[in-house]
Protein backbone atom coordinates (compact mmCIF):
# COMPACT_ATOMS: atom_id res chain seq x y z
CA UNK A 1 -46.50 71.82 86.27
CA UNK A 2 -43.93 74.38 84.37
CA UNK A 3 -46.65 75.46 82.17
CA UNK A 4 -48.90 76.73 85.55
CA UNK A 5 -45.97 78.51 86.52
CA UNK A 6 -45.40 80.30 83.38
CA UNK A 7 -48.87 81.32 83.11
CA UNK A 8 -49.13 82.54 86.76
CA UNK A 9 -45.86 84.88 86.01
CA UNK A 10 -47.25 86.63 83.18
CA UNK A 11 -50.35 88.37 85.05
CA UNK A 12 -47.94 89.47 87.28
CA UNK A 13 -45.28 91.12 84.87
CA UNK A 14 -48.53 92.64 83.47
CA UNK A 15 -49.83 94.19 86.50
CA UNK A 16 -46.25 95.43 87.27
CA UNK A 17 -46.04 97.19 83.86
CA UNK A 18 -49.70 98.67 84.52
CA UNK A 19 -49.16 101.31 86.83
CA UNK A 20 -45.73 103.54 86.11
CA UNK A 21 -43.58 104.95 89.02
CA UNK A 22 -44.33 108.65 89.80
CA UNK A 23 -41.51 110.84 88.10
CA UNK A 24 -38.96 112.28 90.55
CA UNK A 25 -39.98 115.96 92.28
CA UNK A 26 -36.82 118.53 91.83
CA UNK A 27 -36.97 121.12 94.39
CA UNK A 28 -36.44 124.63 93.57
CA UNK A 29 -32.79 126.20 93.83
CA UNK A 30 -32.33 128.94 96.51
CA UNK A 31 -31.61 132.00 95.06
CA UNK A 32 -30.64 135.31 96.78
CA UNK A 33 -32.66 138.17 96.20
CA UNK A 34 -32.82 141.90 97.66
CA UNK A 35 -34.94 144.71 96.82
CA UNK A 36 -33.14 148.11 95.34
CA UNK A 37 -31.69 150.25 97.83
CA UNK A 38 -32.92 153.86 97.76
CA UNK A 39 -30.63 156.46 99.04
CA UNK A 40 -30.41 160.11 98.75
CA UNK A 41 -26.68 160.75 96.93
CA UNK A 42 -25.50 163.99 95.27
CA UNK A 43 -25.20 163.95 91.25
CA UNK A 44 -21.25 164.01 90.74
CA UNK A 45 -19.11 164.02 88.05
CA UNK A 46 -15.91 161.94 87.25
CA UNK A 47 -13.11 163.60 85.78
CA UNK A 48 -9.10 163.03 85.00
CA UNK A 49 -7.22 165.25 87.05
CA UNK A 50 -3.45 166.22 87.72
CA UNK A 51 -1.74 167.25 91.20
CA UNK A 52 -0.08 170.59 91.16
CA UNK A 53 2.02 172.43 93.65
CA UNK A 54 0.62 175.66 95.18
CA UNK A 55 3.85 177.26 94.80
CA UNK A 56 6.80 176.79 92.59
CA UNK A 57 10.14 177.98 92.74
CA UNK A 58 13.61 177.79 90.38
CA UNK A 59 16.21 178.69 93.22
CA UNK A 60 18.46 181.27 91.48
CA UNK A 61 21.35 182.98 93.32
CA UNK A 62 21.27 186.54 94.11
CA UNK A 63 24.67 187.21 94.08
CA UNK A 64 27.57 184.98 91.90
CA UNK A 65 30.34 183.40 93.85
CA UNK A 66 32.18 179.89 94.79
CA UNK A 67 29.88 177.43 96.45
CA UNK A 68 31.76 176.29 99.68
CA UNK A 69 28.65 174.33 101.54
CA UNK A 70 25.83 172.43 100.25
CA UNK A 71 23.75 172.24 104.00
CA UNK A 72 20.44 169.89 102.64
CA UNK A 73 20.04 166.66 101.14
CA UNK A 74 18.65 166.15 97.76
CA UNK A 75 14.83 165.32 97.80
CA UNK A 76 14.50 166.77 101.56
CA UNK A 77 11.97 168.97 103.00
CA UNK A 78 12.53 172.31 103.93
CA UNK A 79 10.73 175.17 105.54
CA UNK A 80 10.79 178.98 104.89
CA UNK A 81 14.14 180.25 105.83
CA UNK A 82 16.04 176.84 105.91
CA UNK A 83 19.62 177.21 104.74
CA UNK A 84 20.41 175.60 101.15
CA UNK A 85 23.92 176.16 100.59
CA UNK A 86 26.66 178.46 100.97
CA UNK A 87 28.59 181.19 98.53
CA UNK A 88 32.20 181.89 99.88
CA UNK A 89 31.48 185.47 101.71
CA UNK A 90 35.07 186.72 102.19
CA UNK A 91 35.16 188.80 98.63
CA UNK A 92 31.64 190.47 99.75
CA UNK A 93 32.94 191.19 103.67
CA UNK A 94 35.84 193.25 102.28
CA UNK A 95 33.16 194.87 100.08
CA UNK A 96 31.31 195.87 103.17
CA UNK A 97 34.39 196.56 104.84
CA UNK A 98 35.47 199.20 101.57
CA UNK A 99 32.07 200.59 101.80
CA UNK A 100 32.07 201.26 105.57
CA UNK A 101 35.44 203.06 105.16
CA UNK A 102 33.81 204.94 102.57
CA UNK A 103 31.20 206.42 104.92
CA UNK A 104 33.79 207.54 107.32
CA UNK A 105 36.08 209.23 104.74
CA UNK A 106 32.79 211.08 103.03
CA UNK A 107 31.37 211.74 106.80
CA UNK A 108 34.81 213.63 107.55
CA UNK A 109 34.55 215.57 104.27
CA UNK A 110 30.61 216.72 104.89
CA UNK A 111 31.71 217.58 108.70
CA UNK A 112 34.24 219.74 107.44
CA UNK A 113 32.30 221.42 104.52
CA UNK A 114 29.42 222.23 106.97
CA UNK A 115 31.81 223.98 109.61
CA UNK A 116 33.38 225.92 107.06
CA UNK A 117 29.72 227.19 106.17
CA UNK A 118 28.93 228.08 109.69
CA UNK A 119 32.18 229.96 110.16
CA UNK A 120 31.55 231.50 106.62
CA UNK A 121 27.89 233.25 107.42
CA UNK A 122 28.64 235.99 109.76
CA UNK A 123 31.54 237.25 106.96
CA UNK A 124 29.38 237.83 104.65
CA UNK A 125 27.29 240.91 106.57
CA UNK A 126 31.31 242.11 107.31
CA UNK A 127 31.33 241.82 103.29
CA UNK A 128 34.57 239.88 103.76
CA UNK A 129 33.26 237.47 101.22
CA UNK A 130 30.53 237.76 98.71
CA UNK A 131 27.12 235.84 97.82
CA UNK A 132 28.65 233.63 95.34
CA UNK A 133 31.55 232.59 97.88
CA UNK A 134 28.94 231.85 100.41
CA UNK A 135 26.65 230.09 97.84
CA UNK A 136 29.48 227.75 96.75
CA UNK A 137 29.97 226.48 100.21
CA UNK A 138 26.41 225.81 100.82
CA UNK A 139 26.86 223.83 97.61
CA UNK A 140 29.61 222.32 99.07
CA UNK A 141 28.31 221.22 102.40
CA UNK A 142 24.73 219.62 100.08
CA UNK A 143 26.99 217.60 97.88
CA UNK A 144 29.03 215.91 100.95
CA UNK A 145 25.40 215.49 102.18
CA UNK A 146 24.30 213.77 99.30
CA UNK A 147 27.49 211.71 99.20
CA UNK A 148 27.64 210.41 102.70
CA UNK A 149 23.88 209.14 101.98
CA UNK A 150 25.52 207.40 99.00
CA UNK A 151 28.26 205.29 100.79
CA UNK A 152 25.60 204.53 103.39
CA UNK A 153 23.86 203.29 100.73
CA UNK A 154 26.51 201.30 99.52
CA UNK A 155 27.10 200.11 102.92
CA UNK A 156 23.53 198.71 103.09
CA UNK A 157 24.06 197.31 99.09
CA UNK A 158 27.46 195.42 100.47
CA UNK A 159 25.64 194.06 103.32
CA UNK A 160 22.99 192.35 101.65
CA UNK A 161 25.19 190.81 98.97
CA UNK A 162 27.00 189.28 102.32
CA UNK A 163 23.63 187.96 103.74
CA UNK A 164 22.82 186.50 100.18
CA UNK A 165 25.64 184.56 100.22
CA UNK A 166 23.87 182.39 102.58
CA UNK A 167 20.97 180.52 100.18
CA UNK A 168 18.07 179.73 101.97
CA UNK A 169 14.42 178.23 101.01
CA UNK A 170 12.25 180.74 100.15
CA UNK A 171 8.81 178.79 100.28
CA UNK A 172 8.12 175.44 102.57
CA UNK A 173 7.93 171.93 100.41
CA UNK A 174 10.19 169.20 99.07
CA UNK A 175 13.40 170.32 97.67
CA UNK A 176 14.82 168.91 94.40
CA UNK A 177 18.00 168.01 93.28
CA UNK A 178 20.94 170.46 94.14
CA UNK A 179 22.81 171.01 90.71
CA UNK A 180 25.48 173.11 92.21
CA UNK A 181 27.85 171.52 94.31
CA UNK A 182 31.09 172.57 96.49
CA UNK A 183 33.56 174.14 94.59
CA UNK A 184 31.00 175.35 91.18
CA UNK A 185 31.06 178.55 90.69
CA UNK A 186 27.30 180.28 90.21
CA UNK A 187 26.10 183.39 88.29
CA UNK A 188 23.40 185.56 89.88
CA UNK A 189 20.35 186.06 88.05
CA UNK A 190 18.89 189.23 86.69
CA UNK A 191 19.01 190.80 83.10
CA UNK A 192 20.28 187.27 82.16
CA UNK A 193 18.93 183.85 83.43
CA UNK A 194 21.40 182.89 86.26
CA UNK A 195 22.43 179.41 87.64
CA UNK A 196 19.49 177.11 88.70
CA UNK A 197 20.70 176.15 92.08
CA UNK A 198 17.19 173.47 92.72
CA UNK A 199 13.84 173.61 92.43
CA UNK A 200 11.32 173.68 95.47
CA UNK A 201 7.50 172.66 95.50
CA UNK A 202 4.97 173.13 98.03
CA UNK A 203 3.35 169.22 99.49
CA UNK A 204 1.03 170.99 102.00
CA UNK A 205 -1.92 171.88 100.56
CA UNK A 206 -1.52 170.89 97.08
CA UNK A 207 -3.80 171.68 94.19
CA UNK A 208 -5.80 169.22 92.03
CA UNK A 209 -6.40 170.64 88.54
CA UNK A 210 -8.96 169.46 86.14
CA UNK A 211 -10.90 170.36 83.18
CA UNK A 212 -15.04 171.11 83.19
CA UNK A 213 -16.82 170.85 80.03
CA UNK A 214 -18.51 174.18 78.77
CA UNK A 215 -21.93 173.35 79.40
CA UNK A 216 -21.31 172.11 82.68
CA UNK A 217 -19.52 175.07 83.92
CA UNK A 218 -22.79 177.25 82.77
CA UNK A 219 -24.62 175.37 85.18
CA UNK A 220 -22.48 175.29 88.20
CA UNK A 221 -19.89 178.20 87.29
CA UNK A 222 -21.73 180.86 89.21
CA UNK A 223 -21.74 178.66 92.49
CA UNK A 224 -18.36 177.77 91.91
CA UNK A 225 -17.08 181.07 91.82
CA UNK A 226 -18.58 181.96 94.58
CA UNK A 227 -17.24 179.33 96.85
CA UNK A 228 -13.92 180.03 95.78
CA UNK A 229 -13.69 183.88 95.93
CA UNK A 230 -16.01 184.89 98.86
CA UNK A 231 -15.57 184.00 102.31
CA UNK A 232 -19.18 183.05 102.86
CA UNK A 233 -19.60 180.90 99.60
CA UNK A 234 -20.75 177.63 100.12
CA UNK A 235 -17.52 175.16 99.34
CA UNK A 236 -18.07 172.69 96.24
CA UNK A 237 -16.46 169.42 97.49
CA UNK A 238 -14.08 167.23 95.37
CA UNK A 239 -13.17 163.92 96.09
CA UNK A 240 -9.81 162.57 94.45
CA UNK A 241 -8.18 159.20 94.06
CA UNK A 242 -4.80 158.19 93.11
CA UNK A 243 -3.92 154.90 90.67
CA UNK A 244 -4.03 152.03 92.82
CA UNK A 245 -6.23 153.25 95.81
CA UNK A 246 -9.36 151.57 96.33
CA UNK A 247 -11.58 154.47 96.69
CA UNK A 248 -11.81 158.63 96.68
CA UNK A 249 -10.15 158.87 99.74
CA UNK A 250 -8.82 162.27 99.57
CA UNK A 251 -10.77 165.43 100.40
CA UNK A 252 -10.83 168.83 99.39
CA UNK A 253 -12.52 172.19 97.93
CA UNK A 254 -12.97 174.14 94.52
CA UNK A 255 -10.15 176.92 95.27
CA UNK A 256 -10.79 178.66 91.92
CA UNK A 257 -11.29 178.60 88.26
CA UNK A 258 -9.43 179.89 85.19
CA UNK A 259 -11.06 183.31 84.17
CA UNK A 260 -11.73 181.83 80.59
CA UNK A 261 -12.90 179.05 78.39
CA UNK A 262 -10.16 177.39 75.97
CA UNK A 263 -11.47 177.72 72.74
CA UNK A 264 -9.40 175.12 71.50
CA UNK A 265 -11.21 172.03 74.29
CA UNK A 266 -14.30 173.99 74.79
CA UNK A 267 -13.69 173.44 78.64
CA UNK A 268 -12.34 175.55 81.89
CA UNK A 269 -9.29 174.51 84.04
CA UNK A 270 -10.79 174.19 87.61
CA UNK A 271 -8.18 173.98 90.60
CA UNK A 272 -9.30 172.01 93.66
CA UNK A 273 -7.33 172.57 97.24
CA UNK A 274 -6.50 169.37 98.94
CA UNK A 275 -4.44 169.03 102.88
CA UNK A 276 -1.53 166.74 102.08
CA UNK A 277 -0.59 165.59 105.26
CA UNK A 278 0.43 162.03 104.52
CA UNK A 279 2.43 163.44 101.63
CA UNK A 280 0.42 161.31 99.12
CA UNK A 281 -0.94 163.70 96.64
CA UNK A 282 2.67 164.35 94.44
CA UNK A 283 2.78 166.90 92.57
CA UNK A 284 2.77 165.98 88.67
CA UNK A 285 0.85 162.79 89.35
CA UNK A 286 -2.51 162.12 87.75
CA UNK A 287 -5.75 161.52 90.06
CA UNK A 288 -9.34 160.58 89.14
CA UNK A 289 -11.49 163.35 90.52
CA UNK A 290 -15.37 163.25 91.70
CA UNK A 291 -16.94 166.70 91.14
CA UNK A 292 -20.41 167.36 93.30
CA UNK A 293 -22.44 169.38 90.73
CA UNK A 294 -25.62 169.15 92.18
CA UNK A 295 -27.11 168.59 95.27
CA UNK A 296 -28.54 165.19 96.76
CA UNK A 297 -30.95 163.16 94.84
CA UNK A 298 -32.92 160.05 95.65
CA UNK A 299 -31.91 157.25 93.33
CA UNK A 300 -32.41 153.13 93.42
CA UNK A 301 -28.75 151.44 93.75
CA UNK A 302 -28.29 147.52 93.00
CA UNK A 303 -25.37 145.09 93.88
CA UNK A 304 -23.46 145.05 90.58
CA UNK A 305 -23.26 140.70 91.12
CA UNK A 306 -26.99 140.97 90.04
CA UNK A 307 -26.38 143.00 86.35
CA UNK A 308 -26.28 140.40 83.40
CA UNK A 309 -25.41 141.15 79.80
CA UNK A 310 -27.12 140.33 76.38
CA UNK A 311 -25.05 142.28 73.49
CA UNK A 312 -24.92 145.85 74.61
CA UNK A 313 -27.72 145.33 76.72
CA UNK A 314 -27.66 145.10 80.67
CA UNK A 315 -30.57 143.31 82.53
CA UNK A 316 -31.48 141.73 86.15
CA UNK A 317 -33.94 139.19 87.21
CA UNK A 318 -36.92 139.90 88.81
CA UNK A 319 -38.14 137.56 91.12
CA UNK A 320 -41.94 137.73 92.04
CA UNK A 321 -43.94 136.28 94.91
CA UNK A 322 -44.44 132.83 93.19
CA UNK A 323 -40.75 132.62 92.84
CA UNK A 324 -41.21 133.08 88.78
CA UNK A 325 -37.96 135.20 87.48
CA UNK A 326 -38.40 137.52 84.35
CA UNK A 327 -36.44 139.37 82.41
CA UNK A 328 -35.58 143.13 83.05
CA UNK A 329 -33.70 145.48 80.90
CA UNK A 330 -32.24 148.31 83.06
CA UNK A 331 -30.80 152.05 82.46
CA UNK A 332 -27.38 152.55 84.69
CA UNK A 333 -25.54 155.23 86.20
CA UNK A 334 -22.80 155.84 88.22
CA UNK A 335 -20.45 153.60 89.72
CA UNK A 336 -20.40 154.19 93.40
CA UNK A 337 -17.78 153.29 95.70
CA UNK A 338 -17.83 149.64 96.51
CA UNK A 339 -20.22 146.85 94.78
CA UNK A 340 -23.10 149.44 94.08
CA UNK A 341 -24.61 151.08 90.95
CA UNK A 342 -27.21 153.64 90.25
CA UNK A 343 -30.38 152.65 88.52
CA UNK A 344 -31.58 155.33 85.94
CA UNK A 345 -34.39 153.56 84.66
CA UNK A 346 -35.95 149.66 84.51
CA UNK A 347 -36.71 149.01 88.24
CA UNK A 348 -39.29 150.19 91.18
CA UNK A 349 -38.09 150.19 94.82
CA UNK A 350 -40.65 147.50 95.81
CA UNK A 351 -39.46 144.93 93.28
CA UNK A 352 -37.19 141.74 94.29
CA UNK A 353 -34.20 141.11 92.03
CA UNK A 354 -32.00 138.08 92.06
CA UNK A 355 -28.44 139.13 93.08
CA UNK A 356 -27.02 136.03 94.41
CA UNK A 357 -27.20 132.04 92.80
CA UNK A 358 -28.15 133.47 89.25
CA UNK A 359 -26.53 130.47 87.44
CA UNK A 360 -29.30 128.49 89.42
CA UNK A 361 -32.46 130.41 87.63
CA UNK A 362 -33.77 128.03 85.16
CA UNK A 363 -36.17 130.12 82.46
CA UNK A 364 -39.75 128.94 83.52
CA UNK A 365 -38.86 127.10 86.79
CA UNK A 366 -39.58 128.77 90.05
CA UNK A 367 -36.72 129.30 92.60
CA UNK A 368 -36.51 129.39 96.51
CA UNK A 369 -35.99 133.25 97.03
CA UNK A 370 -34.15 133.99 100.31
CA UNK A 371 -33.56 137.45 101.25
CA UNK A 372 -30.36 138.81 101.34
CA UNK A 373 -28.62 142.45 102.01
CA UNK A 374 -28.22 144.30 98.86
CA UNK A 375 -24.94 145.60 99.46
CA UNK A 376 -23.35 143.00 101.53
CA UNK A 377 -24.96 140.08 99.66
CA UNK A 378 -25.37 138.42 103.38
CA UNK A 379 -28.71 136.99 104.66
CA UNK A 380 -31.29 138.93 106.07
CA UNK A 381 -30.96 139.66 109.82
CA UNK A 382 -34.37 140.84 111.04
CA UNK A 383 -32.82 141.60 114.29
CA UNK A 384 -31.25 144.56 112.60
CA UNK A 385 -32.62 148.16 113.87
CA UNK A 386 -35.52 149.54 111.56
CA UNK A 387 -36.00 145.94 110.04
CA UNK A 388 -39.54 145.14 108.66
CA UNK A 389 -41.12 141.68 108.98
CA UNK A 390 -42.19 139.98 106.56
CA UNK A 391 -45.98 140.17 105.96
CA UNK A 392 -46.50 136.32 106.00
CA UNK A 393 -43.92 135.36 108.43
CA UNK A 394 -41.23 133.95 106.22
CA UNK A 395 -38.24 135.58 105.94
CA UNK A 396 -37.62 134.72 102.62
CA UNK A 397 -40.35 136.32 101.08
CA UNK A 398 -39.88 139.88 102.88
CA UNK A 399 -40.22 142.51 100.37
CA UNK A 400 -38.45 145.61 102.46
CA UNK A 401 -34.46 145.34 102.43
CA UNK A 402 -33.75 149.33 102.17
CA UNK A 403 -33.76 149.79 105.73
CA UNK A 404 -31.69 146.81 106.84
CA UNK A 405 -28.91 146.99 104.27
CA UNK A 406 -25.55 148.25 105.24
CA UNK A 407 -25.22 152.11 104.00
CA UNK A 408 -22.82 153.32 100.99
CA UNK A 409 -20.00 154.69 101.79
CA UNK A 410 -20.91 157.12 99.32
CA UNK A 411 -23.90 158.39 100.83
C-alpha cells in the first residue's frame, strides 16, 4: 500500500516540475519628458560692474571760522540747498558793516570832488584857473568814482562771506559723516586744501560702470555711442543684479562710454544709468551686469534638471516614441533667469528629452513617457490656450510642448 502511494506521488512531482512558472513582467517606470522650448531672446553678455554716484562732492567751507551749529545727521539724505552747518557769522557781520561804512565815506568824497569840478569849469574861460588845474580836478573826481565802485565791491564780498557762514548742500544725495562738530575751527579751501566737512553722493539715479572687451566694443561701439550721445539714438538696455538678489531686477540703459580703450586691459569702461527709487543701488557696491549686445535670435531652451554630466561633457536623455532613451551630448549657452538654459547645439525642437525622474531610466529598458512643461516640470495641461492635442490621443506621447510651457522671464 505504501509503495503504491509513493509511486503515485512521483509522477505528480515530476509533472509539476515540467511546467516552470512564467517570469514576473515589470512595468516601465514613468518618466517626465518635454520638448525644448523655442524662444526669441536677445544675445547678452554677463559682466561684473560697480555702482557709482553720478555726482560726488567733498564739501569744504568757502570761509574759515568757528562751527556753532550742525544742522544735519550723519548719513541723512539731503536736497540741494538744505542746511548742513553754521559757522560763527559775527566776524563777517562786522566786516560787512565796516565795508558799508567805507562806501558812505568814499561816496561823500566822490560827491564833493564832482561838485568842485562842476564849480571850476566856468573859471577856465575866465582865466581864473589853468587847464592843468581843471585836469587835476577831473582826475580827482574819477578816482573818487573808482574808489566808490571798489568799496561797493568790498561790501558785496563781505555780504557773500557772511552768507557762506551758512553751509548748504550743493547737490541732492546722501551725506556722509560730518567731521567738524560744534566748537571746531574750519579752514576755507583755496590755494591750499581746506577742511573737509563731509561728503555727499547722489543716489538717484546712479551709474553702474563695467568694462567691455575690445572685440565686443568693435562690434557694438557705434551703436552704444549713438544711444548715449544722440537724442534719437536707440537705447541699449542693461540689467543689473546685486549680491543676494534672485534675478536681474534693476533695469537701466547705457549712458556713455569712455573716450579711449585701456591699453593695459584691452577694455573700455561703459557707464549705464539706473533709476534708484528704492535706494537699493549703493555707490561702491559690486553688481552683476547683463548687457544686450545684439537683437533677438531663435534659440532652444531646456530645464537644467534634464542635464547630466560625464567628466567635462554635458548630455541629456532623448526619449523616442517607443519609450527608449538614448544618450545625447549637448553644447550649452547662457543660463537664463529661473531654470532654463540655452542649448547651442545637439538638440532639435521636435525631440523629447527626459526632464523628470531621470534616476528611473535603465539603459536598454523602455520607460513610460509623461509629457510635462519644460520650464515648470508640471504635467502637461491640454486645456491651456494654444495646446496641441497629441496625434494618437495620448497626452503622454504628445510631441509639442513649446506653446504650452510657461514663458521665461527673460523673454
